[in-house]
Amino acid sequence: MADELTRAQEQLAHLTRTVEELSDVVARQEREIERLSRRIGMLMEREAERELADGGTVPLADQRPPHW
């Protein structure tokens, strides 16, 4: 019985450590996603401004391909 309790406590400690490590990973990923989202937003704004400066043409990404 004592061995089972010790084994259960060891597993609980291992699982607790794993959950804490995964929580750190998720927090890091959230910060990275926020940073990348801001950069994408800035790049999209910059490209929109460039397209307006080029005469307001339709962006290539929004044009239909020639085979349509």
N, C-alpha and C. Protein backbone atom coordinates (compact mmCIF):
# COMPACT_ATOMS: atom_id res chain seq x y z
N MET A 1 0.83 -1.21 0.00
CA MET A 1 0.00 0.00 0.00
C MET A 1 0.87 1.27 0.00
N ALA A 2 1.93 1.26 0.78
CA ALA A 2 2.82 2.42 0.86
C ALA A 2 3.51 2.64 -0.49
N ASP A 3 3.87 1.52 -1.15
CA ASP A 3 4.52 1.64 -2.46
C ASP A 3 3.57 2.26 -3.48
N GLU A 4 2.32 1.89 -3.45
CA GLU A 4 1.33 2.44 -4.37
C GLU A 4 1.14 3.93 -4.13
N LEU A 5 1.11 4.30 -2.85
CA LEU A 5 0.95 5.72 -2.51
C LEU A 5 2.18 6.51 -2.98
N THR A 6 3.37 5.96 -2.78
CA THR A 6 4.59 6.63 -3.21
C THR A 6 4.61 6.77 -4.73
N ARG A 7 4.22 5.71 -5.43
CA ARG A 7 4.18 5.75 -6.90
C ARG A 7 3.17 6.80 -7.38
N ALA A 8 2.01 6.85 -6.74
CA ALA A 8 1.00 7.83 -7.11
C ALA A 8 1.50 9.26 -6.86
N GLN A 9 2.21 9.45 -5.76
CA GLN A 9 2.75 10.78 -5.45
C GLN A 9 3.83 11.18 -6.48
N GLU A 10 4.65 10.21 -6.88
CA GLU A 10 5.66 10.49 -7.89
C GLU A 10 5.02 10.85 -9.22
N GLN A 11 3.99 10.11 -9.59
CA GLN A 11 3.29 10.42 -10.84
C GLN A 11 2.64 11.79 -10.78
N LEU A 12 2.05 12.10 -9.65
CA LEU A 12 1.41 13.41 -9.49
C LEU A 12 2.45 14.52 -9.60
N ALA A 13 3.62 14.32 -8.98
CA ALA A 13 4.69 15.33 -9.06
C ALA A 13 5.15 15.48 -10.51
N HIS A 14 5.30 14.36 -11.20
CA HIS A 14 5.72 14.41 -12.60
C HIS A 14 4.68 15.14 -13.46
N LEU A 15 3.42 14.80 -13.27
CA LEU A 15 2.35 15.44 -14.04
C LEU A 15 2.25 16.93 -13.71
N THR A 16 2.44 17.29 -12.47
CA THR A 16 2.41 18.70 -12.08
C THR A 16 3.53 19.47 -12.77
N ARG A 17 4.74 18.88 -12.79
CA ARG A 17 5.86 19.53 -13.46
C ARG A 17 5.59 19.66 -14.96
N THR A 18 5.02 18.62 -15.56
CA THR A 18 4.72 18.66 -16.99
C THR A 18 3.70 19.74 -17.31
N VAL A 19 2.67 19.85 -16.49
CA VAL A 19 1.65 20.88 -16.70
C VAL A 19 2.26 22.27 -16.59
N GLU A 20 3.14 22.47 -15.63
CA GLU A 20 3.79 23.78 -15.47
C GLU A 20 4.67 24.10 -16.68
N GLU A 21 5.41 23.10 -17.18
CA GLU A 21 6.25 23.31 -18.36
C GLU A 21 5.39 23.64 -19.58
N LEU A 22 4.29 22.91 -19.74
CA LEU A 22 3.41 23.17 -20.88
C LEU A 22 2.76 24.55 -20.77
N SER A 23 2.44 24.95 -19.56
CA SER A 23 1.87 26.28 -19.36
C SER A 23 2.87 27.36 -19.78
N ASP A 24 4.14 27.16 -19.46
CA ASP A 24 5.17 28.11 -19.87
C ASP A 24 5.28 28.16 -21.39
N VAL A 25 5.21 27.00 -22.03
CA VAL A 25 5.29 26.94 -23.49
C VAL A 25 4.12 27.69 -24.11
N VAL A 26 2.92 27.47 -23.60
CA VAL A 26 1.73 28.13 -24.13
C VAL A 26 1.84 29.64 -23.94
N ALA A 27 2.32 30.08 -22.78
CA ALA A 27 2.47 31.51 -22.53
C ALA A 27 3.47 32.12 -23.51
N ARG A 28 4.58 31.41 -23.78
CA ARG A 28 5.56 31.90 -24.75
C ARG A 28 4.96 31.98 -26.14
N GLN A 29 4.21 30.95 -26.51
CA GLN A 29 3.58 30.94 -27.83
C GLN A 29 2.57 32.07 -27.96
N GLU A 30 1.84 32.35 -26.90
CA GLU A 30 0.86 33.44 -26.94
C GLU A 30 1.56 34.78 -27.19
N ARG A 31 2.67 35.00 -26.50
CA ARG A 31 3.42 36.24 -26.72
C ARG A 31 3.95 36.33 -28.14
N GLU A 32 4.44 35.21 -28.66
CA GLU A 32 4.97 35.19 -30.03
C GLU A 32 3.85 35.44 -31.04
N ILE A 33 2.69 34.85 -30.84
CA ILE A 33 1.55 35.06 -31.74
C ILE A 33 1.13 36.53 -31.72
N GLU A 34 1.08 37.12 -30.54
CA GLU A 34 0.72 38.54 -30.45
C GLU A 34 1.74 39.41 -31.18
N ARG A 35 3.03 39.10 -31.01
CA ARG A 35 4.09 39.87 -31.68
C ARG A 35 3.97 39.73 -33.19
N LEU A 36 3.78 38.50 -33.66
CA LEU A 36 3.67 38.27 -35.10
C LEU A 36 2.41 38.90 -35.67
N SER A 37 1.33 38.87 -34.92
CA SER A 37 0.08 39.51 -35.39
C SER A 37 0.27 41.01 -35.56
N ARG A 38 0.96 41.63 -34.61
CA ARG A 38 1.24 43.07 -34.74
C ARG A 38 2.10 43.34 -35.97
N ARG A 39 3.10 42.51 -36.19
CA ARG A 39 3.98 42.72 -37.36
C ARG A 39 3.21 42.53 -38.66
N ILE A 40 2.34 41.54 -38.72
CA ILE A 40 1.54 41.32 -39.93
C ILE A 40 0.63 42.53 -40.16
N GLY A 41 0.03 43.03 -39.10
CA GLY A 41 -0.82 44.21 -39.23
C GLY A 41 -0.04 45.40 -39.77
N MET A 42 1.16 45.60 -39.25
CA MET A 42 1.99 46.71 -39.73
C MET A 42 2.36 46.52 -41.20
N LEU A 43 2.71 45.28 -41.57
CA LEU A 43 3.06 45.02 -42.97
C LEU A 43 1.87 45.23 -43.90
N MET A 44 0.69 44.83 -43.46
CA MET A 44 -0.50 45.02 -44.29
C MET A 44 -0.80 46.51 -44.45
N GLU A 45 -0.65 47.28 -43.38
CA GLU A 45 -0.87 48.72 -43.49
C GLU A 45 0.15 49.35 -44.42
N ARG A 46 1.39 48.93 -44.30
CA ARG A 46 2.45 49.47 -45.15
C ARG A 46 2.18 49.15 -46.62
N GLU A 47 1.76 47.92 -46.88
CA GLU A 47 1.46 47.52 -48.26
C GLU A 47 0.25 48.28 -48.80
N ALA A 48 -0.76 48.50 -47.97
CA ALA A 48 -1.93 49.26 -48.42
C ALA A 48 -1.54 50.68 -48.76
N GLU A 49 -0.68 51.27 -47.95
CA GLU A 49 -0.22 52.63 -48.24
C GLU A 49 0.58 52.66 -49.54
N ARG A 50 1.41 51.65 -49.76
CA ARG A 50 2.20 51.58 -50.98
C ARG A 50 1.30 51.44 -52.20
N GLU A 51 0.26 50.62 -52.09
CA GLU A 51 -0.67 50.43 -53.21
C GLU A 51 -1.41 51.73 -53.53
N LEU A 52 -1.79 52.47 -52.49
CA LEU A 52 -2.45 53.76 -52.73
C LEU A 52 -1.49 54.74 -53.40
N ALA A 53 -0.24 54.71 -52.98
CA ALA A 53 0.74 55.62 -53.57
C ALA A 53 1.03 55.25 -55.02
N ASP A 54 0.84 53.99 -55.37
CA ASP A 54 1.10 53.54 -56.74
C ASP A 54 -0.08 53.79 -57.67
N GLY A 55 -1.06 54.49 -57.23
CA GLY A 55 -2.18 54.83 -58.10
C GLY A 55 -3.47 54.11 -57.73
N GLY A 56 -3.50 53.46 -56.61
CA GLY A 56 -4.74 52.85 -56.13
C GLY A 56 -5.19 51.66 -56.96
N THR A 57 -4.28 50.92 -57.53
CA THR A 57 -4.66 49.75 -58.31
C THR A 57 -5.13 48.63 -57.40
N VAL A 58 -5.80 47.67 -57.99
CA VAL A 58 -6.26 46.51 -57.23
C VAL A 58 -5.05 45.64 -56.91
N PRO A 59 -4.88 45.26 -55.65
CA PRO A 59 -3.73 44.42 -55.30
C PRO A 59 -3.76 43.11 -56.07
N LEU A 60 -2.59 42.61 -56.43
CA LEU A 60 -2.52 41.36 -57.18
C LEU A 60 -3.21 40.22 -56.44
N ALA A 61 -3.12 40.20 -55.15
CA ALA A 61 -3.73 39.12 -54.37
C ALA A 61 -5.26 39.14 -54.50
N ASP A 62 -5.84 40.30 -54.81
CA ASP A 62 -7.29 40.42 -54.93
C ASP A 62 -7.78 40.28 -56.37
N GLN A 63 -6.88 40.15 -57.31
CA GLN A 63 -7.29 40.02 -58.71
C GLN A 63 -7.55 38.55 -59.02
N ARG A 64 -8.47 38.33 -59.96
CA ARG A 64 -8.76 36.97 -60.38
C ARG A 64 -7.63 36.47 -61.29
N PRO A 65 -7.26 35.21 -61.17
CA PRO A 65 -6.22 34.68 -62.04
C PRO A 65 -6.67 34.71 -63.49
N PRO A 66 -5.75 34.77 -64.44
CA PRO A 66 -6.11 34.90 -65.86
C PRO A 66 -6.91 33.70 -66.39
N HIS A 67 -6.81 32.55 -65.79
CA HIS A 67 -7.52 31.38 -66.30
C HIS A 67 -8.98 31.35 -65.87
N TRP A 68 -9.46 32.34 -65.12
CA TRP A 68 -10.86 32.37 -64.68
C TRP A 68 -11.69 33.10 -65.67
